[in-house]
């Protein structure tokens, strides 16, 4: 039985029309390699032809509107559905053909492999994003997208040094905590992983919110007074790392003169004492 797929995405149609090129290049240049690999393999497994047709979106097309509705419902699910992207062995195309390899394509492949090596740090970034989302949901009752979080860091009301601090903190880029315990690190440097005041892992979360060294309580007491002076409708609480990294999102609720700027300023000053010369 022949299959006709209708979609309002010319992007998807154009990609799937060039499936041979994607396969020959080992999906290196594909924006969603695993998804594209599985989709094309599914088409190849079919014994009959598969056709695709573009339809105009949001134009009263019954099935297109139904697909949009189901996609919207899916975003509200508490638990993601399992999608099997596994491939049969005979259709699992790996690597790129030498005849299609260019310098630009080889560079993309190298960067993709490097990204896999950096996966541990990416997981830490994802953990920070999740912390921010949980805190914002707790305060405002909604979950911000990752894009909204990154955009809030670049808010024009933040000085450049504050933006840099936030970006590095979200990406776990400061040399704190377990950074000092990587293989090959000298023993005297590995000692920096532990806070000498608290005997705890001295990561950014500990430095900003948990350390008992002199100055911690004073910093947040001053931050609370600054917060109160801004007459915020949000009650002050000692912030978590998620509150600090996501404080740019407070601007949406408190206006451009909201309390997030003094909060971020004092937290970055607090951190600077500990990481400046590391």
Protein backbone atom coordinates (compact mmCIF):
# COMPACT_ATOMS: atom_id res chain seq x y z
CA UNK A 1 0.00 0.00 0.00
CA UNK A 2 1.39 3.38 -1.01
CA UNK A 3 1.71 6.02 1.70
CA UNK A 4 0.99 9.74 1.26
CA UNK A 5 2.25 12.04 4.01
CA UNK A 6 0.93 15.60 4.17
CA UNK A 7 2.85 18.26 6.09
CA UNK A 8 3.02 22.04 6.34
CA UNK A 9 6.81 21.90 6.75
CA UNK A 10 8.77 22.49 3.55
CA UNK A 11 11.87 22.03 5.67
CA UNK A 12 11.01 18.39 6.40
CA UNK A 13 10.06 17.70 2.79
CA UNK A 14 13.29 19.17 1.44
CA UNK A 15 15.42 17.20 3.89
CA UNK A 16 13.72 13.89 3.16
CA UNK A 17 13.91 14.49 -0.60
CA UNK A 18 17.69 14.66 -0.22
CA UNK A 19 17.94 11.48 1.80
CA UNK A 20 20.67 10.01 -0.42
CA UNK A 21 22.87 13.04 0.23
CA UNK A 22 22.29 12.73 3.97
CA UNK A 23 23.20 9.04 3.91
CA UNK A 24 26.33 9.62 1.82
CA UNK A 25 27.47 12.35 4.23
CA UNK A 26 26.82 10.14 7.25
CA UNK A 27 24.15 12.58 8.50
CA UNK A 28 26.97 14.91 9.61
CA UNK A 29 25.25 18.03 8.28
CA UNK A 30 21.75 16.98 9.39
CA UNK A 31 20.17 19.22 12.07
CA UNK A 32 18.61 16.19 13.80
CA UNK A 33 20.82 13.24 12.76
CA UNK A 34 19.33 10.47 14.91
CA UNK A 35 15.73 11.42 14.07
CA UNK A 36 16.49 11.77 10.34
CA UNK A 37 18.42 8.48 10.31
CA UNK A 38 15.51 6.63 11.91
CA UNK A 39 12.86 8.28 9.69
CA UNK A 40 14.70 7.51 6.44
CA UNK A 41 15.35 3.94 7.58
CA UNK A 42 11.62 3.53 8.29
CA UNK A 43 10.81 4.69 4.74
CA UNK A 44 13.36 2.26 3.29
CA UNK A 45 11.78 -0.63 5.19
CA UNK A 46 8.45 -0.06 3.44
CA UNK A 47 7.83 -2.37 0.46
CA UNK A 48 5.93 0.34 -1.46
CA UNK A 49 6.42 3.98 -2.41
CA UNK A 50 6.14 6.84 0.10
CA UNK A 51 5.03 10.25 -1.14
CA UNK A 52 5.04 13.63 0.56
CA UNK A 53 2.80 16.61 -0.11
CA UNK A 54 2.96 20.14 1.26
CA UNK A 55 -0.23 21.72 2.62
CA UNK A 56 -0.65 25.25 3.92
CA UNK A 57 -0.61 25.38 7.70
CA UNK A 58 -3.34 27.00 9.82
CA UNK A 59 -5.63 27.07 6.82
CA UNK A 60 -8.50 24.90 7.97
CA UNK A 61 -6.99 21.59 6.77
CA UNK A 62 -8.67 19.02 9.05
CA UNK A 63 -5.72 16.66 9.50
CA UNK A 64 -3.15 19.44 9.70
CA UNK A 65 -5.14 21.19 12.41
CA UNK A 66 -5.51 17.85 14.18
CA UNK A 67 -1.76 17.29 14.07
CA UNK A 68 -1.17 20.76 15.55
CA UNK A 69 -3.66 20.01 18.30
CA UNK A 70 -2.00 16.70 19.19
CA UNK A 71 1.45 18.35 19.18
CA UNK A 72 0.16 21.02 21.57
CA UNK A 73 -1.29 18.37 23.87
CA UNK A 74 2.00 16.48 23.84
CA UNK A 75 3.89 19.49 25.19
CA UNK A 76 1.64 19.43 28.27
CA UNK A 77 2.32 15.79 29.14
CA UNK A 78 4.00 15.25 32.49
CA UNK A 79 6.03 12.34 31.14
CA UNK A 80 7.51 12.04 27.66
CA UNK A 81 6.40 9.11 25.51
CA UNK A 82 9.01 6.60 24.45
CA UNK A 83 9.92 6.86 20.77
CA UNK A 84 11.88 3.95 19.35
CA UNK A 85 14.63 5.36 17.14
CA UNK A 86 16.41 2.04 16.84
CA UNK A 87 17.56 0.88 13.42
CA UNK A 88 17.81 -2.56 11.84
CA UNK A 89 21.42 -3.53 11.38
CA UNK A 90 21.26 -3.57 7.58
CA UNK A 91 19.98 0.03 7.48
CA UNK A 92 22.31 1.48 10.10
CA UNK A 93 24.45 3.70 7.87
CA UNK A 94 27.58 4.90 9.65
CA UNK A 95 30.28 7.26 8.50
CA UNK A 96 30.50 9.30 5.32
CA UNK A 97 31.61 8.31 1.85
CA UNK A 98 35.07 9.62 0.97
CA UNK A 99 33.71 10.79 -2.38
CA UNK A 100 31.40 13.26 -0.57
CA UNK A 101 33.86 14.38 2.10
CA UNK A 102 34.89 18.03 2.02
CA UNK A 103 37.01 20.07 4.40
CA UNK A 104 33.90 21.74 5.82
CA UNK A 105 32.16 18.40 6.33
CA UNK A 106 35.23 16.89 7.99
CA UNK A 107 35.39 19.87 10.35
CA UNK A 108 31.73 19.35 11.32
CA UNK A 109 32.45 15.68 12.01
CA UNK A 110 35.41 16.57 14.23
CA UNK A 111 33.34 19.11 16.16
CA UNK A 112 30.55 16.55 16.61
CA UNK A 113 33.02 14.05 18.06
CA UNK A 114 34.42 16.72 20.36
CA UNK A 115 30.90 17.54 21.51
CA UNK A 116 30.45 13.91 22.57
CA UNK A 117 33.65 14.14 24.61
CA UNK A 118 32.22 17.23 26.31
CA UNK A 119 28.94 15.45 27.08
CA UNK A 120 29.65 15.39 30.81
CA UNK A 121 29.82 19.17 30.90
CA UNK A 122 26.69 19.42 28.76
CA UNK A 123 24.86 17.26 31.29
CA UNK A 124 25.91 19.67 34.01
CA UNK A 125 24.55 22.55 31.92
CA UNK A 126 21.25 20.67 31.56
CA UNK A 127 21.15 20.19 35.35
CA UNK A 128 21.56 23.95 35.86
CA UNK A 129 18.81 24.66 33.33
CA UNK A 130 16.53 22.26 35.18
CA UNK A 131 17.31 23.99 38.49
CA UNK A 132 16.36 27.34 36.95
CA UNK A 133 13.13 25.97 35.51
CA UNK A 134 12.11 24.44 38.84
CA UNK A 135 12.76 27.70 40.71
CA UNK A 136 10.86 29.83 38.19
CA UNK A 137 7.93 27.42 38.29
CA UNK A 138 7.94 27.61 42.08
CA UNK A 139 7.90 31.44 42.06
CA UNK A 140 5.77 32.27 39.03
CA UNK A 141 3.85 29.11 38.18
CA UNK A 142 5.28 28.52 34.71
CA UNK A 143 8.24 26.67 33.23
CA UNK A 144 10.50 28.82 31.01
CA UNK A 145 12.07 27.35 27.89
CA UNK A 146 15.82 26.92 27.65
CA UNK A 147 15.82 29.63 24.96
CA UNK A 148 14.12 32.05 27.37
CA UNK A 149 16.76 31.33 30.01
CA UNK A 150 19.67 32.03 27.65
CA UNK A 151 17.94 35.18 26.44
CA UNK A 152 17.47 36.42 30.02
CA UNK A 153 21.23 36.18 30.57
CA UNK A 154 21.81 38.61 27.70
CA UNK A 155 19.35 41.17 29.11
CA UNK A 156 20.50 44.72 28.33
CA UNK A 157 20.04 45.70 31.99
CA UNK A 158 22.94 43.41 32.95
CA UNK A 159 26.50 44.65 32.66
CA UNK A 160 28.70 42.63 30.34
CA UNK A 161 30.71 41.17 33.22
CA UNK A 162 27.45 39.98 34.81
CA UNK A 163 26.35 38.34 31.56
CA UNK A 164 29.71 36.58 31.29
CA UNK A 165 29.48 35.43 34.89
CA UNK A 166 25.98 34.01 34.33
CA UNK A 167 26.94 32.26 31.09
CA UNK A 168 30.00 30.64 32.66
CA UNK A 169 28.06 29.64 35.75
CA UNK A 170 25.33 27.95 33.71
CA UNK A 171 27.93 26.07 31.70
CA UNK A 172 29.92 25.02 34.77
CA UNK A 173 32.91 26.86 33.31
CA UNK A 174 34.47 28.12 36.55
CA UNK A 175 37.31 26.05 37.93
CA UNK A 176 35.63 24.97 41.15
CA UNK A 177 34.66 21.71 42.81
CA UNK A 178 35.21 18.52 40.85
CA UNK A 179 37.03 20.38 38.06
CA UNK A 180 40.10 19.89 40.22
CA UNK A 181 39.69 16.10 40.41
CA UNK A 182 40.01 15.30 36.70
CA UNK A 183 42.54 12.54 35.86
CA UNK A 184 46.13 13.73 35.76
CA UNK A 185 45.61 16.72 38.08
CA UNK A 186 48.41 17.20 40.61
CA UNK A 187 47.61 16.18 44.18
CA UNK A 188 48.13 19.67 45.58
CA UNK A 189 45.65 21.04 43.02
CA UNK A 190 43.08 18.34 43.75
CA UNK A 191 42.89 19.70 47.29
CA UNK A 192 41.15 22.77 45.86
CA UNK A 193 38.06 20.65 45.20
CA UNK A 194 37.20 20.72 48.92
CA UNK A 195 36.14 23.79 50.90
CA UNK A 196 38.56 24.12 53.82
CA UNK A 197 35.90 25.85 55.93
CA UNK A 198 33.11 23.31 55.46
CA UNK A 199 34.87 20.16 54.23
CA UNK A 200 32.37 19.98 51.34
CA UNK A 201 32.78 19.93 47.55
CA UNK A 202 33.61 23.55 46.75
CA UNK A 203 31.52 23.98 43.61
CA UNK A 204 29.64 27.12 42.60
CA UNK A 205 26.47 25.99 44.36
CA UNK A 206 28.39 25.63 47.62
CA UNK A 207 30.26 28.93 47.18
CA UNK A 208 27.12 30.97 46.53
CA UNK A 209 24.55 29.40 48.84
CA UNK A 210 25.96 26.96 51.38
CA UNK A 211 29.49 27.93 52.45
CA UNK A 212 29.84 28.79 56.14
CA UNK A 213 33.02 30.84 55.71
CA UNK A 214 32.91 34.46 57.00
CA UNK A 215 30.84 36.77 54.82
CA UNK A 216 28.25 34.31 53.50
CA UNK A 217 25.46 35.32 55.88
CA UNK A 218 26.32 39.01 55.55
CA UNK A 219 26.19 38.93 51.76
CA UNK A 220 22.67 37.51 51.69
CA UNK A 221 21.51 39.80 54.51
CA UNK A 222 22.57 42.79 52.41
CA UNK A 223 20.94 41.25 49.33
CA UNK A 224 17.69 40.91 51.26
CA UNK A 225 17.76 44.58 52.25
CA UNK A 226 18.35 45.62 48.64
CA UNK A 227 15.46 43.40 47.60
CA UNK A 228 13.11 44.99 50.13
CA UNK A 229 14.09 48.50 48.98
CA UNK A 230 12.88 47.59 45.49
CA UNK A 231 9.38 47.02 46.91
CA UNK A 232 9.08 43.68 45.17
CA UNK A 233 5.81 41.77 45.32
CA UNK A 234 7.92 38.61 45.74
CA UNK A 235 8.89 37.80 49.30
CA UNK A 236 12.64 37.56 49.90
CA UNK A 237 14.14 34.16 50.58
CA UNK A 238 17.73 33.04 50.69
CA UNK A 239 18.29 32.06 47.08
CA UNK A 240 19.25 28.71 45.68
CA UNK A 241 21.65 28.35 42.76
CA UNK A 242 18.59 28.07 40.49
CA UNK A 243 17.23 31.39 41.79
CA UNK A 244 20.57 33.10 41.13
CA UNK A 245 21.13 31.73 37.63
CA UNK A 246 17.51 32.42 36.67
CA UNK A 247 17.17 35.84 38.26
CA UNK A 248 17.12 37.51 34.83
CA UNK A 249 13.67 36.01 34.39
CA UNK A 250 12.47 38.00 37.41
CA UNK A 251 12.58 41.10 35.20
CA UNK A 252 9.48 39.85 33.43
CA UNK A 253 7.55 39.94 36.69
CA UNK A 254 9.10 42.96 38.41
CA UNK A 255 9.95 45.23 35.47
CA UNK A 256 13.37 46.41 34.32
CA UNK A 257 14.01 47.94 37.74
CA UNK A 258 13.28 44.66 39.50
CA UNK A 259 15.41 43.22 42.31
CA UNK A 260 17.32 40.73 40.18
CA UNK A 261 20.13 43.18 39.36
CA UNK A 262 21.27 43.78 42.98
CA UNK A 263 20.78 40.08 43.68
CA UNK A 264 23.01 39.12 40.79
CA UNK A 265 25.57 41.80 41.60
CA UNK A 266 26.11 40.67 45.18
CA UNK A 267 26.14 37.01 44.22
CA UNK A 268 28.76 37.60 41.52
CA UNK A 269 30.87 39.62 43.97
CA UNK A 270 30.57 36.81 46.46
CA UNK A 271 31.73 34.33 43.84
CA UNK A 272 34.52 36.56 42.51
CA UNK A 273 36.39 36.38 45.81
CA UNK A 274 36.60 32.60 45.47
CA UNK A 275 37.27 32.05 41.76
CA UNK A 276 39.11 35.16 40.56
CA UNK A 277 42.60 33.76 40.95
CA UNK A 278 41.79 30.11 40.25
